[in-house]
C-alpha atoms as a PDB file:
ATOM      1  CA  UNK A   1      20.727 -19.484  -9.015  1.00  0.00           C
ATOM      2  CA  UNK A   2      18.079 -22.065  -7.782  1.00  0.00           C
ATOM      3  CA  UNK A   3      15.224 -21.576  -5.303  1.00  0.00           C
ATOM      4  CA  UNK A   4      13.267 -24.395  -3.642  1.00  0.00           C
ATOM      5  CA  UNK A   5      14.762 -27.653  -2.642  1.00  0.00           C
ATOM      6  CA  UNK A   6      13.934 -29.468  -5.963  1.00  0.00           C
ATOM      7  CA  UNK A   7      15.628 -26.774  -8.064  1.00  0.00           C
ATOM      8  CA  UNK A   8      18.675 -26.802  -5.656  1.00  0.00           C
ATOM      9  CA  UNK A   9      19.096 -30.500  -6.046  1.00  0.00           C
ATOM     10  CA  UNK A  10      18.818 -30.214  -9.830  1.00  0.00           C
ATOM     11  CA  UNK A  11      21.479 -27.459  -9.881  1.00  0.00           C
ATOM     12  CA  UNK A  12      23.826 -29.588  -7.720  1.00  0.00           C
ATOM     13  CA  UNK A  13      23.443 -32.477 -10.045  1.00  0.00           C
ATOM     14  CA  UNK A  14      24.242 -30.215 -12.992  1.00  0.00           C
ATOM     15  CA  UNK A  15      27.408 -29.047 -11.129  1.00  0.00           C
ATOM     16  CA  UNK A  16      28.525 -32.498 -10.326  1.00  0.00           C
ATOM     17  CA  UNK A  17      27.960 -33.803 -13.849  1.00  0.00           C
ATOM     18  CA  UNK A  18      29.978 -30.788 -15.183  1.00  0.00           C
ATOM     19  CA  UNK A  19      27.041 -29.472 -17.271  1.00  0.00           C
ATOM     20  CA  UNK A  20      27.393 -26.036 -15.811  1.00  0.00           C
ATOM     21  CA  UNK A  21      30.387 -23.881 -15.141  1.00  0.00           C
ATOM     22  CA  UNK A  22      30.539 -20.535 -13.298  1.00  0.00           C
ATOM     23  CA  UNK A  23      32.392 -19.061 -10.445  1.00  0.00           C
ATOM     24  CA  UNK A  24      29.301 -18.494  -8.119  1.00  0.00           C
ATOM     25  CA  UNK A  25      26.290 -20.679  -7.467  1.00  0.00           C
ATOM     26  CA  UNK A  26      23.430 -19.787  -5.160  1.00  0.00           C
ATOM     27  CA  UNK A  27      20.970 -22.185  -3.794  1.00  0.00           C
ATOM     28  CA  UNK A  28      18.049 -21.209  -1.507  1.00  0.00           C
ATOM     29  CA  UNK A  29      15.906 -23.816   0.145  1.00  0.00           C
ATOM     30  CA  UNK A  30      12.731 -21.707   0.242  1.00  0.00           C
ATOM     31  CA  UNK A  31      11.083 -20.685  -2.942  1.00  0.00           C
ATOM     32  CA  UNK A  32      11.723 -16.989  -3.322  1.00  0.00           C
ATOM     33  CA  UNK A  33      14.632 -17.213  -0.853  1.00  0.00           C
ATOM     34  CA  UNK A  34      14.503 -16.237   2.855  1.00  0.00           C
ATOM     35  CA  UNK A  35      11.879 -13.643   2.142  1.00  0.00           C
ATOM     36  CA  UNK A  36       9.623 -16.313   0.782  1.00  0.00           C
ATOM     37  CA  UNK A  37      10.213 -18.736   3.523  1.00  0.00           C
ATOM     38  CA  UNK A  38       7.437 -20.324   5.681  1.00  0.00           C
ATOM     39  CA  UNK A  39       7.833 -17.897   8.552  1.00  0.00           C
ATOM     40  CA  UNK A  40       7.503 -14.769   6.319  1.00  0.00           C
ATOM     41  CA  UNK A  41       4.697 -12.468   7.298  1.00  0.00           C
ATOM     42  CA  UNK A  42       4.788 -10.392   4.037  1.00  0.00           C
ATOM     43  CA  UNK A  43       3.873 -11.332   0.523  1.00  0.00           C
ATOM     44  CA  UNK A  44       7.191 -12.442  -1.125  1.00  0.00           C
ATOM     45  CA  UNK A  45       7.178  -9.898  -3.819  1.00  0.00           C
ATOM     46  CA  UNK A  46       6.563  -7.130  -1.308  1.00  0.00           C
ATOM     47  CA  UNK A  47       9.348  -8.494   0.829  1.00  0.00           C
ATOM     48  CA  UNK A  48      11.692  -8.707  -2.137  1.00  0.00           C
ATOM     49  CA  UNK A  49      11.008  -5.117  -2.927  1.00  0.00           C
ATOM     50  CA  UNK A  50      11.798  -4.090   0.600  1.00  0.00           C
ATOM     51  CA  UNK A  51      15.134  -6.045   0.581  1.00  0.00           C
ATOM     52  CA  UNK A  52      16.009  -4.464  -2.773  1.00  0.00           C
ATOM     53  CA  UNK A  53      15.256  -0.963  -1.420  1.00  0.00           C
ATOM     54  CA  UNK A  54      17.323  -1.625   1.602  1.00  0.00           C
ATOM     55  CA  UNK A  55      20.177  -2.774  -0.560  1.00  0.00           C
ATOM     56  CA  UNK A  56      20.034   0.270  -2.766  1.00  0.00           C
ATOM     57  CA  UNK A  57      20.408   2.432   0.320  1.00  0.00           C
ATOM     58  CA  UNK A  58      23.458   0.541   1.659  1.00  0.00           C
ATOM     59  CA  UNK A  59      26.527   2.560   2.282  1.00  0.00           C
ATOM     60  CA  UNK A  60      28.793  -0.332   1.196  1.00  0.00           C
ATOM     61  CA  UNK A  61      28.117  -2.026  -2.126  1.00  0.00           C
ATOM     62  CA  UNK A  62      29.543  -5.415  -1.095  1.00  0.00           C
ATOM     63  CA  UNK A  63      30.693  -6.930   2.270  1.00  0.00           C
ATOM     64  CA  UNK A  64      34.286  -6.697   1.152  1.00  0.00           C
ATOM     65  CA  UNK A  65      33.858  -2.870   1.030  1.00  0.00           C
ATOM     66  CA  UNK A  66      32.482  -2.782   4.629  1.00  0.00           C
ATOM     67  CA  UNK A  67      35.222  -1.899   7.050  1.00  0.00           C
ATOM     68  CA  UNK A  68      33.210  -3.654   9.831  1.00  0.00           C
ATOM     69  CA  UNK A  69      33.346  -6.936   7.828  1.00  0.00           C
ATOM     70  CA  UNK A  70      37.102  -6.512   7.517  1.00  0.00           C
ATOM     71  CA  UNK A  71      37.381  -5.899  11.182  1.00  0.00           C
ATOM     72  CA  UNK A  72      35.532  -9.059  11.880  1.00  0.00           C
ATOM     73  CA  UNK A  73      37.728 -11.079   9.520  1.00  0.00           C
ATOM     74  CA  UNK A  74      40.819  -9.620  11.505  1.00  0.00           C
ATOM     75  CA  UNK A  75      39.257 -10.571  14.815  1.00  0.00           C
ATOM     76  CA  UNK A  76      38.711 -14.095  13.472  1.00  0.00           C
ATOM     77  CA  UNK A  77      42.434 -14.232  12.648  1.00  0.00           C
ATOM     78  CA  UNK A  78      42.303 -13.616   8.932  1.00  0.00           C
ATOM     79  CA  UNK A  79      44.547 -10.999   7.365  1.00  0.00           C
ATOM     80  CA  UNK A  80      42.751 -10.616   4.044  1.00  0.00           C
ATOM     81  CA  UNK A  81      39.405 -11.881   2.610  1.00  0.00           C
ATOM     82  CA  UNK A  82      41.467 -14.293   0.395  1.00  0.00           C
ATOM     83  CA  UNK A  83      43.124 -15.907   3.495  1.00  0.00           C
ATOM     84  CA  UNK A  84      39.581 -16.834   4.679  1.00  0.00           C
ATOM     85  CA  UNK A  85      38.906 -18.648   1.478  1.00  0.00           C
ATOM     86  CA  UNK A  86      42.257 -20.353   1.467  1.00  0.00           C
ATOM     87  CA  UNK A  87      41.597 -21.706   4.983  1.00  0.00           C
ATOM     88  CA  UNK A  88      39.667 -24.892   4.291  1.00  0.00           C
ATOM     89  CA  UNK A  89      39.565 -25.852   7.986  1.00  0.00           C
ATOM     90  CA  UNK A  90      37.320 -22.877   8.728  1.00  0.00           C
ATOM     91  CA  UNK A  91      34.610 -24.242   6.589  1.00  0.00           C
ATOM     92  CA  UNK A  92      34.850 -27.732   7.787  1.00  0.00           C
ATOM     93  CA  UNK A  93      32.681 -29.199  10.487  1.00  0.00           C
ATOM     94  CA  UNK A  94      33.088 -32.559  12.307  1.00  0.00           C
ATOM     95  CA  UNK A  95      30.104 -34.276  13.671  1.00  0.00           C
END
């Protein structure tokens, strides 16, 4: 996990060079993530605590457990979460 542009760039360089292996990487442009971004109106530690408290109260532990997420995937034409990942065209943008 990296936060801040400099740290994200360093993480990408480590990935490209093969220095790191894992199955999930997270890069956040703002230091502290979205709750620490330039438009935040709360102290980032307070905001982080608020997000964590909200997460602890969540009915569904992950998006894949949420029936509304599965319904959205079906509306987008995907039968399973795996089919979303397998469809590379869905994540490709042309400019």
